[in-house]
């Protein structure tokens, strides 16, 4: 994840991402916001609309982490604020 200049998975590309409104468990897909880049491993990008401004989102990334020969799945989060 290099879209925001932050490496959330320690050098590997995230496997999956979940985006939800900060402070709630509401998925980005249920907000009515318009996205120029829908939630995914490259982040999320909302487009402000006159009657529906973008909300702040938390993106939770699933990362593959090898420890020796064993693969672990870990989660890393990033909060994106609208301006």
C-alpha atoms as a PDB file:
ATOM      1  CA  UNK A   1       0.000   0.000   0.000  1.00  0.00           C
ATOM      2  CA  UNK A   2       1.931   2.959  -1.246  1.00  0.00           C
ATOM      3  CA  UNK A   3      -1.002   5.157  -2.368  1.00  0.00           C
ATOM      4  CA  UNK A   4      -0.744   7.339   0.757  1.00  0.00           C
ATOM      5  CA  UNK A   5       3.019   7.123   1.184  1.00  0.00           C
ATOM      6  CA  UNK A   6       2.623   4.613   3.993  1.00  0.00           C
ATOM      7  CA  UNK A   7       3.817   1.041   3.880  1.00  0.00           C
ATOM      8  CA  UNK A   8       1.145  -0.766   5.908  1.00  0.00           C
ATOM      9  CA  UNK A   9       2.336  -4.347   5.264  1.00  0.00           C
ATOM     10  CA  UNK A  10       6.092  -4.073   5.824  1.00  0.00           C
ATOM     11  CA  UNK A  11       7.137  -4.308   2.187  1.00  0.00           C
ATOM     12  CA  UNK A  12       4.441  -6.625   0.839  1.00  0.00           C
ATOM     13  CA  UNK A  13       1.227  -5.735  -0.947  1.00  0.00           C
ATOM     14  CA  UNK A  14      -1.917  -6.201   1.163  1.00  0.00           C
ATOM     15  CA  UNK A  15      -4.021  -9.289   0.372  1.00  0.00           C
ATOM     16  CA  UNK A  16      -7.353  -7.626   1.099  1.00  0.00           C
ATOM     17  CA  UNK A  17      -8.870  -4.442   2.537  1.00  0.00           C
ATOM     18  CA  UNK A  18     -12.003  -3.469   4.432  1.00  0.00           C
ATOM     19  CA  UNK A  19     -13.168   0.164   4.547  1.00  0.00           C
ATOM     20  CA  UNK A  20     -15.616   1.474   7.108  1.00  0.00           C
ATOM     21  CA  UNK A  21     -16.690   4.779   8.604  1.00  0.00           C
ATOM     22  CA  UNK A  22     -14.428   5.862  11.485  1.00  0.00           C
ATOM     23  CA  UNK A  23     -16.079   5.186  14.845  1.00  0.00           C
ATOM     24  CA  UNK A  24     -18.625   2.738  13.444  1.00  0.00           C
ATOM     25  CA  UNK A  25     -18.743  -0.585  11.684  1.00  0.00           C
ATOM     26  CA  UNK A  26     -20.633   0.800   8.672  1.00  0.00           C
ATOM     27  CA  UNK A  27     -18.958  -0.431   5.458  1.00  0.00           C
ATOM     28  CA  UNK A  28     -18.070   2.201   2.858  1.00  0.00           C
ATOM     29  CA  UNK A  29     -20.433   0.493   0.410  1.00  0.00           C
ATOM     30  CA  UNK A  30     -23.417   1.351   2.626  1.00  0.00           C
ATOM     31  CA  UNK A  31     -22.773   5.097   3.066  1.00  0.00           C
ATOM     32  CA  UNK A  32     -24.131   6.485  -0.186  1.00  0.00           C
ATOM     33  CA  UNK A  33     -20.775   8.214  -0.798  1.00  0.00           C
ATOM     34  CA  UNK A  34     -19.425   8.309  -4.361  1.00  0.00           C
ATOM     35  CA  UNK A  35     -15.947   6.827  -4.849  1.00  0.00           C
ATOM     36  CA  UNK A  36     -13.449   7.579  -7.590  1.00  0.00           C
ATOM     37  CA  UNK A  37     -11.503   4.605  -6.202  1.00  0.00           C
ATOM     38  CA  UNK A  38     -13.655   2.039  -4.366  1.00  0.00           C
ATOM     39  CA  UNK A  39     -12.276   0.269  -1.309  1.00  0.00           C
ATOM     40  CA  UNK A  40      -9.434  -2.093  -2.176  1.00  0.00           C
ATOM     41  CA  UNK A  41      -5.805  -2.918  -1.470  1.00  0.00           C
ATOM     42  CA  UNK A  42      -4.770   0.429  -2.978  1.00  0.00           C
ATOM     43  CA  UNK A  43      -6.946   2.355  -0.500  1.00  0.00           C
ATOM     44  CA  UNK A  44     -10.188   4.264  -1.010  1.00  0.00           C
ATOM     45  CA  UNK A  45     -10.887   7.663  -2.510  1.00  0.00           C
ATOM     46  CA  UNK A  46     -14.205   9.418  -2.004  1.00  0.00           C
ATOM     47  CA  UNK A  47     -15.532  12.237  -4.208  1.00  0.00           C
ATOM     48  CA  UNK A  48     -17.419  14.953  -2.311  1.00  0.00           C
ATOM     49  CA  UNK A  49     -20.957  15.533  -3.513  1.00  0.00           C
ATOM     50  CA  UNK A  50     -22.961  18.699  -2.724  1.00  0.00           C
ATOM     51  CA  UNK A  51     -25.608  16.886  -0.693  1.00  0.00           C
ATOM     52  CA  UNK A  52     -23.446  13.989   0.472  1.00  0.00           C
ATOM     53  CA  UNK A  53     -19.953  14.979   1.683  1.00  0.00           C
ATOM     54  CA  UNK A  54     -17.342  12.260   2.182  1.00  0.00           C
ATOM     55  CA  UNK A  55     -17.039  10.667   5.575  1.00  0.00           C
ATOM     56  CA  UNK A  56     -13.799   9.737   7.326  1.00  0.00           C
ATOM     57  CA  UNK A  57     -12.821   6.131   6.680  1.00  0.00           C
ATOM     58  CA  UNK A  58     -10.763   3.512   8.430  1.00  0.00           C
ATOM     59  CA  UNK A  59      -9.066   1.073   6.071  1.00  0.00           C
ATOM     60  CA  UNK A  60      -8.129  -2.302   7.528  1.00  0.00           C
ATOM     61  CA  UNK A  61      -5.545  -4.210   5.516  1.00  0.00           C
ATOM     62  CA  UNK A  62      -4.948  -7.954   5.623  1.00  0.00           C
ATOM     63  CA  UNK A  63      -1.216  -8.611   5.308  1.00  0.00           C
ATOM     64  CA  UNK A  64       0.725 -11.818   4.665  1.00  0.00           C
ATOM     65  CA  UNK A  65       3.628 -12.072   7.081  1.00  0.00           C
ATOM     66  CA  UNK A  66       6.189 -14.858   6.897  1.00  0.00           C
ATOM     67  CA  UNK A  67       7.871 -15.854  10.128  1.00  0.00           C
ATOM     68  CA  UNK A  68      10.431 -18.421   9.133  1.00  0.00           C
ATOM     69  CA  UNK A  69       8.599 -20.862   6.880  1.00  0.00           C
ATOM     70  CA  UNK A  70       5.183 -20.155   8.400  1.00  0.00           C
ATOM     71  CA  UNK A  71       2.683 -17.740   6.856  1.00  0.00           C
ATOM     72  CA  UNK A  72       0.603 -15.608   9.208  1.00  0.00           C
ATOM     73  CA  UNK A  73      -2.219 -13.239   8.301  1.00  0.00           C
ATOM     74  CA  UNK A  74      -2.136  -9.980  10.236  1.00  0.00           C
ATOM     75  CA  UNK A  75      -4.223  -6.822  10.092  1.00  0.00           C
ATOM     76  CA  UNK A  76      -3.037  -3.240   9.887  1.00  0.00           C
ATOM     77  CA  UNK A  77      -5.298  -0.161   9.972  1.00  0.00           C
ATOM     78  CA  UNK A  78      -5.091   3.344   8.549  1.00  0.00           C
ATOM     79  CA  UNK A  79      -7.530   6.207   9.173  1.00  0.00           C
ATOM     80  CA  UNK A  80      -8.260   8.529   6.250  1.00  0.00           C
ATOM     81  CA  UNK A  81      -9.797  11.898   7.070  1.00  0.00           C
ATOM     82  CA  UNK A  82     -11.738  14.009   4.576  1.00  0.00           C
ATOM     83  CA  UNK A  83      -9.577  17.140   4.424  1.00  0.00           C
END
